[in-house]
Amino acid sequence: MAVTTEMIKALRERTGAGVLDCKKALEASDGDMDKALQYLRERGVQIAAKKAQRTTKEGLIVAYVHPGDKLGVLVEVNCETDFVARTEEFRRLARDIAMQVAATAPLSVDRKGLPEDIVEKEKEFYRSQALREGKPEKVVDRIVEGRMEKFYQENCLLEQPFIKDPERTVRDLLTEAIAKLGENITIRRFVRYRLGEE
């Protein structure tokens, strides 16, 4: 199937990827938009993996205050150069991440950032819950594992569904930004304040 400029434009609007990348993705997938999207996602993961070891010491600290002034977030998003940190795409990414933190109240950026005592407490809770439900001892570990995966998806920022597009995770959003901006990007830390919370 011949790739048209309309197809390239439509894919570019959906992904924000470059014209040549969109053209290559559509050619590789014989014009199938879904396959082209998957191609670009996989390509983004490959690019992100190559850049993952590069140091990120530049970036932004972004503040987001929810309407009503009772909820606020500070988030530090890092990149490799101040040039990228000043781009509109990077600023939009940082703001989207701050809004994600405000909306979903994650406990940490990733699994490594979760305090071990919280993880152990959750595992113990799910284990005793499964036993109370009468589940056989031999399947309890698998049940706990499955429930812990759901816990991680709800409480680790990178694993959460992105609030503006639940088909993608925050990690997918970050991976796409790395592919698009050409630098390693990391979410270093965040803090979320709600008026009156301890």
N, C-alpha and C. Protein backbone atom coordinates (compact mmCIF):
# COMPACT_ATOMS: atom_id res chain seq x y z
N MET A 1 0.84 -1.19 0.00
CA MET A 1 0.00 0.00 0.00
C MET A 1 0.89 1.25 0.00
N ALA A 2 0.53 2.21 -0.82
CA ALA A 2 1.29 3.45 -0.90
C ALA A 2 0.98 4.33 0.31
N VAL A 3 2.02 4.89 0.88
CA VAL A 3 1.87 5.76 2.04
C VAL A 3 1.62 7.18 1.55
N THR A 4 0.52 7.78 1.99
CA THR A 4 0.17 9.14 1.56
C THR A 4 0.58 10.16 2.62
N THR A 5 0.65 11.41 2.18
CA THR A 5 0.99 12.47 3.13
C THR A 5 -0.10 12.63 4.20
N GLU A 6 -1.35 12.32 3.84
CA GLU A 6 -2.45 12.39 4.81
C GLU A 6 -2.25 11.36 5.92
N MET A 7 -1.80 10.16 5.52
CA MET A 7 -1.55 9.11 6.51
C MET A 7 -0.40 9.52 7.44
N ILE A 8 0.66 10.08 6.86
CA ILE A 8 1.80 10.53 7.66
C ILE A 8 1.35 11.62 8.62
N LYS A 9 0.56 12.57 8.11
CA LYS A 9 0.07 13.67 8.94
C LYS A 9 -0.78 13.14 10.10
N ALA A 10 -1.68 12.18 9.80
CA ALA A 10 -2.54 11.61 10.85
C ALA A 10 -1.72 10.91 11.92
N LEU A 11 -0.71 10.14 11.52
CA LEU A 11 0.14 9.44 12.48
C LEU A 11 0.95 10.44 13.29
N ARG A 12 1.44 11.46 12.62
CA ARG A 12 2.24 12.49 13.31
C ARG A 12 1.39 13.22 14.36
N GLU A 13 0.13 13.51 14.02
CA GLU A 13 -0.76 14.18 14.98
C GLU A 13 -1.04 13.31 16.18
N ARG A 14 -1.13 12.01 15.97
CA ARG A 14 -1.41 11.08 17.08
C ARG A 14 -0.21 10.85 17.98
N THR A 15 1.00 10.91 17.40
CA THR A 15 2.19 10.51 18.16
C THR A 15 3.17 11.64 18.45
N GLY A 16 3.18 12.65 17.60
CA GLY A 16 4.17 13.71 17.75
C GLY A 16 5.52 13.31 17.20
N ALA A 17 5.63 12.14 16.58
CA ALA A 17 6.90 11.67 16.02
C ALA A 17 7.23 12.48 14.77
N GLY A 18 8.49 12.44 14.36
CA GLY A 18 8.95 13.15 13.19
C GLY A 18 8.34 12.60 11.90
N VAL A 19 8.36 13.41 10.85
CA VAL A 19 7.78 13.03 9.57
C VAL A 19 8.43 11.77 9.02
N LEU A 20 9.77 11.74 9.03
CA LEU A 20 10.47 10.56 8.49
C LEU A 20 10.19 9.31 9.30
N ASP A 21 10.11 9.45 10.62
CA ASP A 21 9.79 8.29 11.47
C ASP A 21 8.39 7.78 11.17
N CYS A 22 7.44 8.69 10.99
CA CYS A 22 6.06 8.29 10.67
C CYS A 22 6.01 7.59 9.32
N LYS A 23 6.73 8.14 8.34
CA LYS A 23 6.75 7.53 7.01
C LYS A 23 7.33 6.12 7.07
N LYS A 24 8.46 5.99 7.78
CA LYS A 24 9.11 4.68 7.91
C LYS A 24 8.19 3.68 8.62
N ALA A 25 7.51 4.14 9.66
CA ALA A 25 6.59 3.25 10.42
C ALA A 25 5.43 2.80 9.53
N LEU A 26 4.88 3.70 8.76
CA LEU A 26 3.76 3.34 7.87
C LEU A 26 4.21 2.40 6.75
N GLU A 27 5.41 2.64 6.23
CA GLU A 27 5.94 1.75 5.19
C GLU A 27 6.20 0.36 5.76
N ALA A 28 6.73 0.29 6.97
CA ALA A 28 7.04 -1.00 7.60
C ALA A 28 5.77 -1.77 7.95
N SER A 29 4.66 -1.06 8.11
CA SER A 29 3.42 -1.72 8.51
C SER A 29 2.37 -1.73 7.38
N ASP A 30 2.82 -1.52 6.14
CA ASP A 30 1.93 -1.53 4.97
C ASP A 30 0.72 -0.61 5.13
N GLY A 31 0.94 0.54 5.75
CA GLY A 31 -0.13 1.53 5.88
C GLY A 31 -1.12 1.30 7.01
N ASP A 32 -0.93 0.23 7.79
CA ASP A 32 -1.82 -0.07 8.91
C ASP A 32 -1.48 0.87 10.08
N MET A 33 -2.42 1.74 10.45
CA MET A 33 -2.18 2.76 11.47
C MET A 33 -1.84 2.14 12.84
N ASP A 34 -2.57 1.09 13.24
CA ASP A 34 -2.31 0.45 14.54
C ASP A 34 -0.93 -0.18 14.59
N LYS A 35 -0.55 -0.85 13.50
CA LYS A 35 0.78 -1.47 13.43
C LYS A 35 1.87 -0.40 13.41
N ALA A 36 1.59 0.72 12.76
CA ALA A 36 2.55 1.82 12.71
C ALA A 36 2.74 2.42 14.11
N LEU A 37 1.64 2.55 14.86
CA LEU A 37 1.74 3.03 16.24
C LEU A 37 2.60 2.10 17.08
N GLN A 38 2.38 0.79 16.92
CA GLN A 38 3.16 -0.20 17.66
C GLN A 38 4.63 -0.12 17.26
N TYR A 39 4.89 0.04 15.97
CA TYR A 39 6.26 0.16 15.46
C TYR A 39 6.96 1.36 16.13
N LEU A 40 6.27 2.50 16.18
CA LEU A 40 6.85 3.69 16.80
C LEU A 40 7.08 3.50 18.30
N ARG A 41 6.15 2.81 18.97
CA ARG A 41 6.32 2.54 20.41
C ARG A 41 7.57 1.68 20.64
N GLU A 42 7.70 0.61 19.85
CA GLU A 42 8.86 -0.28 19.99
C GLU A 42 10.15 0.46 19.69
N ARG A 43 10.12 1.30 18.67
CA ARG A 43 11.30 2.10 18.32
C ARG A 43 11.65 3.05 19.46
N GLY A 44 10.62 3.64 20.06
CA GLY A 44 10.85 4.53 21.21
C GLY A 44 11.47 3.80 22.38
N VAL A 45 11.04 2.57 22.63
CA VAL A 45 11.60 1.77 23.72
C VAL A 45 13.07 1.47 23.43
N GLN A 46 13.40 1.15 22.18
CA GLN A 46 14.79 0.87 21.81
C GLN A 46 15.66 2.11 22.01
N ILE A 47 15.16 3.26 21.58
CA ILE A 47 15.91 4.51 21.73
C ILE A 47 16.09 4.83 23.21
N ALA A 48 15.02 4.67 23.99
CA ALA A 48 15.09 4.96 25.43
C ALA A 48 16.09 4.04 26.12
N ALA A 49 16.11 2.78 25.73
CA ALA A 49 17.05 1.82 26.35
C ALA A 49 18.49 2.23 26.07
N LYS A 50 18.77 2.71 24.86
CA LYS A 50 20.13 3.14 24.52
C LYS A 50 20.55 4.36 25.34
N LYS A 51 19.59 5.22 25.64
CA LYS A 51 19.91 6.47 26.33
C LYS A 51 19.81 6.37 27.85
N ALA A 52 19.33 5.25 28.35
CA ALA A 52 19.03 5.11 29.77
C ALA A 52 20.22 5.33 30.70
N GLN A 53 21.42 5.05 30.24
CA GLN A 53 22.60 5.19 31.09
C GLN A 53 23.19 6.60 31.07
N ARG A 54 22.66 7.45 30.22
CA ARG A 54 23.20 8.79 30.11
C ARG A 54 22.73 9.65 31.29
N THR A 55 23.60 10.50 31.77
CA THR A 55 23.36 11.33 32.95
C THR A 55 22.35 12.43 32.66
N THR A 56 21.44 12.63 33.60
CA THR A 56 20.44 13.69 33.50
C THR A 56 20.60 14.65 34.67
N LYS A 57 21.28 15.77 34.42
CA LYS A 57 21.52 16.74 35.50
C LYS A 57 20.86 18.08 35.24
N GLU A 58 20.24 18.23 34.09
CA GLU A 58 19.50 19.45 33.77
C GLU A 58 18.01 19.14 33.92
N GLY A 59 17.17 20.09 33.62
CA GLY A 59 15.73 19.83 33.69
C GLY A 59 14.98 20.96 34.35
N LEU A 60 13.84 20.60 34.93
CA LEU A 60 12.96 21.59 35.54
C LEU A 60 12.34 21.07 36.83
N ILE A 61 12.03 21.99 37.70
CA ILE A 61 11.13 21.70 38.82
C ILE A 61 9.85 22.45 38.48
N VAL A 62 8.77 21.70 38.35
CA VAL A 62 7.50 22.27 37.93
C VAL A 62 6.52 22.23 39.09
N ALA A 63 5.80 23.33 39.26
CA ALA A 63 4.76 23.40 40.28
C ALA A 63 3.40 23.35 39.58
N TYR A 64 2.50 22.59 40.17
CA TYR A 64 1.13 22.54 39.67
C TYR A 64 0.22 22.73 40.88
N VAL A 65 -0.67 23.71 40.80
CA VAL A 65 -1.66 23.93 41.84
C VAL A 65 -3.03 23.71 41.22
N HIS A 66 -3.76 22.77 41.79
CA HIS A 66 -5.07 22.41 41.26
C HIS A 66 -6.06 23.55 41.52
N PRO A 67 -7.00 23.80 40.59
CA PRO A 67 -7.99 24.85 40.82
C PRO A 67 -8.66 24.69 42.20
N GLY A 68 -8.76 25.79 42.91
CA GLY A 68 -9.31 25.77 44.26
C GLY A 68 -8.21 25.94 45.29
N ASP A 69 -6.96 25.83 44.86
CA ASP A 69 -5.78 26.07 45.70
C ASP A 69 -5.71 25.20 46.95
N LYS A 70 -6.22 23.98 46.89
CA LYS A 70 -6.16 23.09 48.05
C LYS A 70 -5.27 21.88 47.80
N LEU A 71 -4.72 21.78 46.59
CA LEU A 71 -3.86 20.66 46.22
C LEU A 71 -2.74 21.18 45.33
N GLY A 72 -1.50 20.86 45.69
CA GLY A 72 -0.37 21.31 44.90
C GLY A 72 0.69 20.23 44.77
N VAL A 73 1.47 20.30 43.71
CA VAL A 73 2.52 19.31 43.43
C VAL A 73 3.77 20.03 42.97
N LEU A 74 4.91 19.55 43.43
CA LEU A 74 6.22 19.93 42.89
C LEU A 74 6.82 18.66 42.33
N VAL A 75 7.33 18.72 41.10
CA VAL A 75 7.96 17.54 40.49
C VAL A 75 9.26 17.97 39.81
N GLU A 76 10.29 17.14 39.97
CA GLU A 76 11.57 17.38 39.30
C GLU A 76 11.71 16.38 38.16
N VAL A 77 11.79 16.92 36.94
CA VAL A 77 11.98 16.10 35.74
C VAL A 77 13.33 16.51 35.16
N ASN A 78 14.19 15.52 34.94
CA ASN A 78 15.55 15.80 34.48
C ASN A 78 15.77 15.35 33.04
N CYS A 79 16.68 16.06 32.38
CA CYS A 79 17.12 15.71 31.03
C CYS A 79 18.62 15.95 30.97
N GLU A 80 19.20 15.80 29.79
CA GLU A 80 20.66 15.90 29.66
C GLU A 80 21.15 17.33 29.48
N THR A 81 20.38 18.18 28.79
CA THR A 81 20.84 19.54 28.48
C THR A 81 19.79 20.58 28.81
N ASP A 82 20.25 21.80 29.08
CA ASP A 82 19.30 22.88 29.35
C ASP A 82 18.57 23.29 28.08
N PHE A 83 19.15 23.00 26.91
CA PHE A 83 18.47 23.27 25.64
C PHE A 83 17.14 22.52 25.58
N VAL A 84 17.16 21.22 25.88
CA VAL A 84 15.93 20.42 25.86
C VAL A 84 15.00 20.86 26.99
N ALA A 85 15.56 21.20 28.14
CA ALA A 85 14.73 21.62 29.28
C ALA A 85 13.91 22.86 28.96
N ARG A 86 14.40 23.68 28.05
CA ARG A 86 13.68 24.92 27.70
C ARG A 86 12.65 24.72 26.59
N THR A 87 12.60 23.53 26.00
CA THR A 87 11.64 23.32 24.89
C THR A 87 10.22 23.22 25.42
N GLU A 88 9.28 23.57 24.56
CA GLU A 88 7.86 23.51 24.92
C GLU A 88 7.43 22.07 25.20
N GLU A 89 7.96 21.11 24.42
CA GLU A 89 7.59 19.69 24.61
C GLU A 89 7.99 19.21 26.00
N PHE A 90 9.21 19.58 26.43
CA PHE A 90 9.68 19.15 27.74
C PHE A 90 8.85 19.78 28.85
N ARG A 91 8.55 21.06 28.71
CA ARG A 91 7.72 21.75 29.72
C ARG A 91 6.34 21.12 29.81
N ARG A 92 5.78 20.78 28.65
CA ARG A 92 4.46 20.15 28.63
C ARG A 92 4.51 18.78 29.30
N LEU A 93 5.57 18.03 29.03
CA LEU A 93 5.75 16.72 29.67
C LEU A 93 5.81 16.88 31.19
N ALA A 94 6.64 17.81 31.67
CA ALA A 94 6.78 18.02 33.11
C ALA A 94 5.45 18.43 33.75
N ARG A 95 4.71 19.27 33.05
CA ARG A 95 3.41 19.69 33.59
C ARG A 95 2.42 18.52 33.62
N ASP A 96 2.43 17.70 32.56
CA ASP A 96 1.56 16.52 32.54
C ASP A 96 1.89 15.57 33.69
N ILE A 97 3.17 15.43 33.97
CA ILE A 97 3.58 14.55 35.07
C ILE A 97 3.12 15.13 36.40
N ALA A 98 3.24 16.44 36.57
CA ALA A 98 2.77 17.08 37.81
C ALA A 98 1.26 16.90 37.96
N MET A 99 0.51 17.03 36.87
CA MET A 99 -0.94 16.83 36.93
C MET A 99 -1.27 15.37 37.26
N GLN A 100 -0.48 14.45 36.73
CA GLN A 100 -0.67 13.02 37.03
C GLN A 100 -0.50 12.77 38.53
N VAL A 101 0.54 13.35 39.12
CA VAL A 101 0.79 13.19 40.56
C VAL A 101 -0.36 13.79 41.36
N ALA A 102 -0.85 14.95 40.94
CA ALA A 102 -1.97 15.58 41.64
C ALA A 102 -3.22 14.70 41.59
N ALA A 103 -3.47 14.09 40.43
CA ALA A 103 -4.70 13.32 40.23
C ALA A 103 -4.66 11.94 40.88
N THR A 104 -3.47 11.31 40.93
CA THR A 104 -3.42 9.90 41.32
C THR A 104 -2.70 9.61 42.64
N ALA A 105 -2.01 10.57 43.19
CA ALA A 105 -1.32 10.42 44.48
C ALA A 105 -0.45 9.17 44.57
N PRO A 106 0.52 9.00 43.65
CA PRO A 106 1.41 7.83 43.75
C PRO A 106 2.28 7.92 44.99
N LEU A 107 2.80 6.77 45.41
CA LEU A 107 3.68 6.74 46.58
C LEU A 107 5.14 6.94 46.20
N SER A 108 5.52 6.54 44.97
CA SER A 108 6.90 6.69 44.53
C SER A 108 6.96 6.76 43.01
N VAL A 109 8.13 7.10 42.50
CA VAL A 109 8.32 7.16 41.05
C VAL A 109 8.26 5.75 40.47
N ASP A 110 8.95 4.80 41.11
CA ASP A 110 8.99 3.42 40.62
C ASP A 110 9.02 2.45 41.79
N ARG A 111 9.12 1.16 41.49
CA ARG A 111 9.09 0.14 42.54
C ARG A 111 10.26 0.27 43.50
N LYS A 112 11.43 0.66 42.98
CA LYS A 112 12.61 0.79 43.84
C LYS A 112 12.42 1.86 44.90
N GLY A 113 11.57 2.84 44.61
CA GLY A 113 11.36 3.94 45.55
C GLY A 113 10.35 3.66 46.65
N LEU A 114 9.64 2.53 46.54
CA LEU A 114 8.67 2.19 47.58
C LEU A 114 9.39 1.72 48.85
N PRO A 115 9.00 2.24 50.00
CA PRO A 115 9.61 1.76 51.24
C PRO A 115 9.34 0.27 51.44
N GLU A 116 10.36 -0.47 51.83
CA GLU A 116 10.27 -1.93 51.99
C GLU A 116 9.19 -2.33 52.98
N ASP A 117 9.01 -1.54 54.07
CA ASP A 117 8.00 -1.90 55.06
C ASP A 117 6.58 -1.82 54.48
N ILE A 118 6.33 -0.87 53.58
CA ILE A 118 5.02 -0.78 52.94
C ILE A 118 4.79 -1.98 52.03
N VAL A 119 5.81 -2.35 51.26
CA VAL A 119 5.70 -3.51 50.35
C VAL A 119 5.42 -4.77 51.15
N GLU A 120 6.17 -4.98 52.24
CA GLU A 120 5.98 -6.19 53.06
C GLU A 120 4.61 -6.20 53.72
N LYS A 121 4.15 -5.05 54.18
CA LYS A 121 2.83 -4.94 54.81
C LYS A 121 1.73 -5.31 53.81
N GLU A 122 1.86 -4.82 52.58
CA GLU A 122 0.88 -5.13 51.53
C GLU A 122 0.88 -6.63 51.21
N LYS A 123 2.08 -7.20 51.07
CA LYS A 123 2.17 -8.64 50.77
C LYS A 123 1.51 -9.46 51.87
N GLU A 124 1.76 -9.08 53.12
CA GLU A 124 1.18 -9.81 54.24
C GLU A 124 -0.34 -9.66 54.25
N PHE A 125 -0.83 -8.47 53.95
CA PHE A 125 -2.27 -8.23 53.89
C PHE A 125 -2.90 -9.11 52.82
N TYR A 126 -2.32 -9.13 51.62
CA TYR A 126 -2.88 -9.93 50.52
C TYR A 126 -2.80 -11.42 50.82
N ARG A 127 -1.73 -11.84 51.50
CA ARG A 127 -1.59 -13.26 51.87
C ARG A 127 -2.70 -13.66 52.85
N SER A 128 -2.89 -12.87 53.90
CA SER A 128 -3.92 -13.22 54.88
C SER A 128 -5.32 -13.10 54.26
N GLN A 129 -5.51 -12.16 53.35
CA GLN A 129 -6.79 -12.02 52.66
C GLN A 129 -7.09 -13.27 51.83
N ALA A 130 -6.09 -13.75 51.10
CA ALA A 130 -6.28 -14.94 50.26
C ALA A 130 -6.57 -16.17 51.12
N LEU A 131 -5.90 -16.28 52.26
CA LEU A 131 -6.14 -17.42 53.15
C LEU A 131 -7.54 -17.35 53.76
N ARG A 132 -7.98 -16.13 54.12
CA ARG A 132 -9.34 -15.95 54.65
C ARG A 132 -10.40 -16.30 53.62
N GLU A 133 -10.08 -16.07 52.35
CA GLU A 133 -11.00 -16.40 51.27
C GLU A 133 -11.04 -17.90 51.00
N GLY A 134 -10.18 -18.65 51.70
CA GLY A 134 -10.17 -20.10 51.54
C GLY A 134 -9.36 -20.59 50.36
N LYS A 135 -8.47 -19.77 49.84
CA LYS A 135 -7.64 -20.19 48.71
C LYS A 135 -6.63 -21.23 49.18
N PRO A 136 -6.34 -22.24 48.35
CA PRO A 136 -5.36 -23.26 48.71
C PRO A 136 -3.97 -22.64 48.89
N GLU A 137 -3.23 -23.13 49.85
CA GLU A 137 -1.90 -22.61 50.17
C GLU A 137 -0.98 -22.57 48.95
N LYS A 138 -1.11 -23.58 48.06
CA LYS A 138 -0.19 -23.66 46.93
C LYS A 138 -0.40 -22.54 45.89
N VAL A 139 -1.57 -21.89 45.88
CA VAL A 139 -1.81 -20.80 44.92
C VAL A 139 -1.74 -19.42 45.57
N VAL A 140 -1.59 -19.38 46.86
CA VAL A 140 -1.59 -18.10 47.58
C VAL A 140 -0.47 -17.18 47.08
N ASP A 141 0.73 -17.73 46.84
CA ASP A 141 1.85 -16.89 46.39
C ASP A 141 1.56 -16.24 45.04
N ARG A 142 0.93 -17.00 44.14
CA ARG A 142 0.58 -16.44 42.83
C ARG A 142 -0.49 -15.36 42.98
N ILE A 143 -1.43 -15.56 43.87
CA ILE A 143 -2.48 -14.57 44.11
C ILE A 143 -1.86 -13.29 44.67
N VAL A 144 -0.95 -13.45 45.63
CA VAL A 144 -0.27 -12.30 46.22
C VAL A 144 0.51 -11.55 45.14
N GLU A 145 1.20 -12.29 44.28
CA GLU A 145 1.98 -11.69 43.20
C GLU A 145 1.07 -10.85 42.28
N GLY A 146 -0.07 -11.41 41.91
CA GLY A 146 -1.01 -10.70 41.05
C GLY A 146 -1.55 -9.44 41.69
N ARG A 147 -1.89 -9.53 42.96
CA ARG A 147 -2.42 -8.36 43.67
C ARG A 147 -1.35 -7.31 43.89
N MET A 148 -0.09 -7.75 44.05
CA MET A 148 1.01 -6.80 44.19
C MET A 148 1.25 -6.06 42.88
N GLU A 149 1.08 -6.73 41.75
CA GLU A 149 1.22 -6.06 40.45
C GLU A 149 0.21 -4.93 40.35
N LYS A 150 -1.02 -5.19 40.78
CA LYS A 150 -2.06 -4.15 40.76
C LYS A 150 -1.68 -3.01 41.72
N PHE A 151 -1.14 -3.35 42.88
CA PHE A 151 -0.69 -2.35 43.85
C PHE A 151 0.39 -1.46 43.22
N TYR A 152 1.36 -2.08 42.52
CA TYR A 152 2.42 -1.31 41.87
C TYR A 152 1.85 -0.38 40.79
N GLN A 153 0.89 -0.88 40.02
CA GLN A 153 0.30 -0.07 38.96
C GLN A 153 -0.45 1.13 39.53
N GLU A 154 -1.00 0.98 40.71
CA GLU A 154 -1.74 2.08 41.33
C GLU A 154 -0.83 3.07 42.05
N ASN A 155 0.31 2.59 42.57
CA ASN A 155 1.12 3.41 43.47
C ASN A 155 2.50 3.83 42.96
N CYS A 156 2.94 3.29 41.84
CA CYS A 156 4.22 3.69 41.24
C CYS A 156 3.92 4.55 40.02
N LEU A 157 4.36 5.79 40.05
CA LEU A 157 4.04 6.77 39.02
C LEU A 157 4.28 6.23 37.60
N LEU A 158 5.44 5.63 37.35
CA LEU A 158 5.76 5.17 36.00
C LEU A 158 4.85 4.06 35.50
N GLU A 159 4.21 3.34 36.39
CA GLU A 159 3.36 2.21 35.99
C GLU A 159 1.88 2.59 35.88
N GLN A 160 1.53 3.80 36.30
CA GLN A 160 0.13 4.22 36.27
C GLN A 160 -0.33 4.51 34.84
N PRO A 161 -1.61 4.25 34.56
CA PRO A 161 -2.17 4.69 33.27
C PRO A 161 -2.13 6.23 33.25
N PHE A 162 -1.72 6.79 32.14
CA PHE A 162 -1.63 8.24 31.99
C PHE A 162 -3.04 8.83 32.00
N ILE A 163 -3.29 9.84 32.80
CA ILE A 163 -4.64 10.38 32.98
C ILE A 163 -5.25 10.93 31.70
N LYS A 164 -4.44 11.43 30.79
CA LYS A 164 -4.97 12.00 29.54
C LYS A 164 -5.17 10.93 28.46
N ASP A 165 -4.57 9.76 28.64
CA ASP A 165 -4.69 8.68 27.67
C ASP A 165 -4.43 7.35 28.40
N PRO A 166 -5.45 6.77 29.04
CA PRO A 166 -5.28 5.56 29.85
C PRO A 166 -4.76 4.34 29.09
N GLU A 167 -4.71 4.42 27.75
CA GLU A 167 -4.13 3.32 26.97
C GLU A 167 -2.62 3.26 27.13
N ARG A 168 -2.02 4.37 27.57
CA ARG A 168 -0.57 4.45 27.76
C ARG A 168 -0.26 4.62 29.24
N THR A 169 0.91 4.14 29.64
CA THR A 169 1.36 4.39 31.02
C THR A 169 2.22 5.64 31.03
N VAL A 170 2.54 6.12 32.22
CA VAL A 170 3.45 7.26 32.34
C VAL A 170 4.82 6.87 31.79
N ARG A 171 5.23 5.61 31.98
CA ARG A 171 6.50 5.14 31.41
C ARG A 171 6.46 5.24 29.88
N ASP A 172 5.33 4.90 29.25
CA ASP A 172 5.19 5.04 27.80
C ASP A 172 5.35 6.51 27.39
N LEU A 173 4.73 7.39 28.15
CA LEU A 173 4.82 8.83 27.89
C LEU A 173 6.27 9.29 27.93
N LEU A 174 7.00 8.83 28.94
CA LEU A 174 8.41 9.18 29.09
C LEU A 174 9.24 8.62 27.95
N THR A 175 8.99 7.37 27.59
CA THR A 175 9.72 6.71 26.50
C THR A 175 9.50 7.46 25.18
N GLU A 176 8.27 7.86 24.92
CA GLU A 176 7.97 8.61 23.70
C GLU A 176 8.69 9.95 23.70
N ALA A 177 8.76 10.61 24.85
CA ALA A 177 9.45 11.90 24.95
C ALA A 177 10.95 11.73 24.71
N ILE A 178 11.53 10.64 25.23
CA ILE A 178 12.95 10.37 25.01
C ILE A 178 13.22 10.19 23.52
N ALA A 179 12.37 9.42 22.85
CA ALA A 179 12.54 9.18 21.42
C ALA A 179 12.38 10.48 20.63
N LYS A 180 11.43 11.30 21.02
CA LYS A 180 11.14 12.53 20.29
C LYS A 180 12.20 13.60 20.52
N LEU A 181 12.62 13.77 21.78
CA LEU A 181 13.56 14.85 22.12
C LEU A 181 15.02 14.43 21.99
N GLY A 182 15.28 13.13 21.91
CA GLY A 182 16.63 12.65 21.66
C GLY A 182 17.56 12.66 22.86
N GLU A 183 17.01 12.77 24.05
CA GLU A 183 17.82 12.74 25.28
C GLU A 183 17.19 11.83 26.30
N ASN A 184 18.01 11.35 27.23
CA ASN A 184 17.48 10.61 28.36
C ASN A 184 16.68 11.57 29.23
N ILE A 185 15.55 11.12 29.71
CA ILE A 185 14.69 11.94 30.58
C ILE A 185 14.30 11.07 31.76
N THR A 186 14.39 11.62 32.96
CA THR A 186 14.01 10.88 34.16
C THR A 186 13.13 11.74 35.05
N ILE A 187 12.27 11.08 35.79
CA ILE A 187 11.50 11.76 36.83
C ILE A 187 12.26 11.47 38.12
N ARG A 188 12.83 12.49 38.70
CA ARG A 188 13.70 12.27 39.86
C ARG A 188 12.90 12.14 41.15
N ARG A 189 11.97 13.08 41.39
CA ARG A 189 11.21 13.06 42.64
C ARG A 189 10.00 13.98 42.52
N PHE A 190 9.12 13.82 43.47
CA PHE A 190 7.93 14.68 43.53
C PHE A 190 7.46 14.76 44.97
N VAL A 191 6.66 15.80 45.21
CA VAL A 191 5.99 15.92 46.51
C VAL A 191 4.59 16.47 46.22
N ARG A 192 3.63 15.94 46.94
CA ARG A 192 2.23 16.31 46.73
C ARG A 192 1.67 16.84 48.05
N TYR A 193 1.10 18.03 48.00
CA TYR A 193 0.52 18.63 49.20
C TYR A 193 -0.98 18.76 49.04
N ARG A 194 -1.71 18.35 50.07
CA ARG A 194 -3.16 18.62 50.10
C ARG A 194 -3.42 19.40 51.39
N LEU A 195 -4.15 20.47 51.30
CA LEU A 195 -4.44 21.33 52.44
C LEU A 195 -5.02 20.51 53.59
N GLY A 196 -4.41 20.62 54.77
CA GLY A 196 -4.91 19.94 55.96
C GLY A 196 -4.38 18.54 56.17
N GLU A 197 -3.67 17.97 55.18
CA GLU A 197 -3.12 16.61 55.33
C GLU A 197 -1.89 16.62 56.21
N GLU A 198 -1.71 15.56 56.97
CA GLU A 198 -0.49 15.42 57.80
C GLU A 198 0.63 14.84 56.98
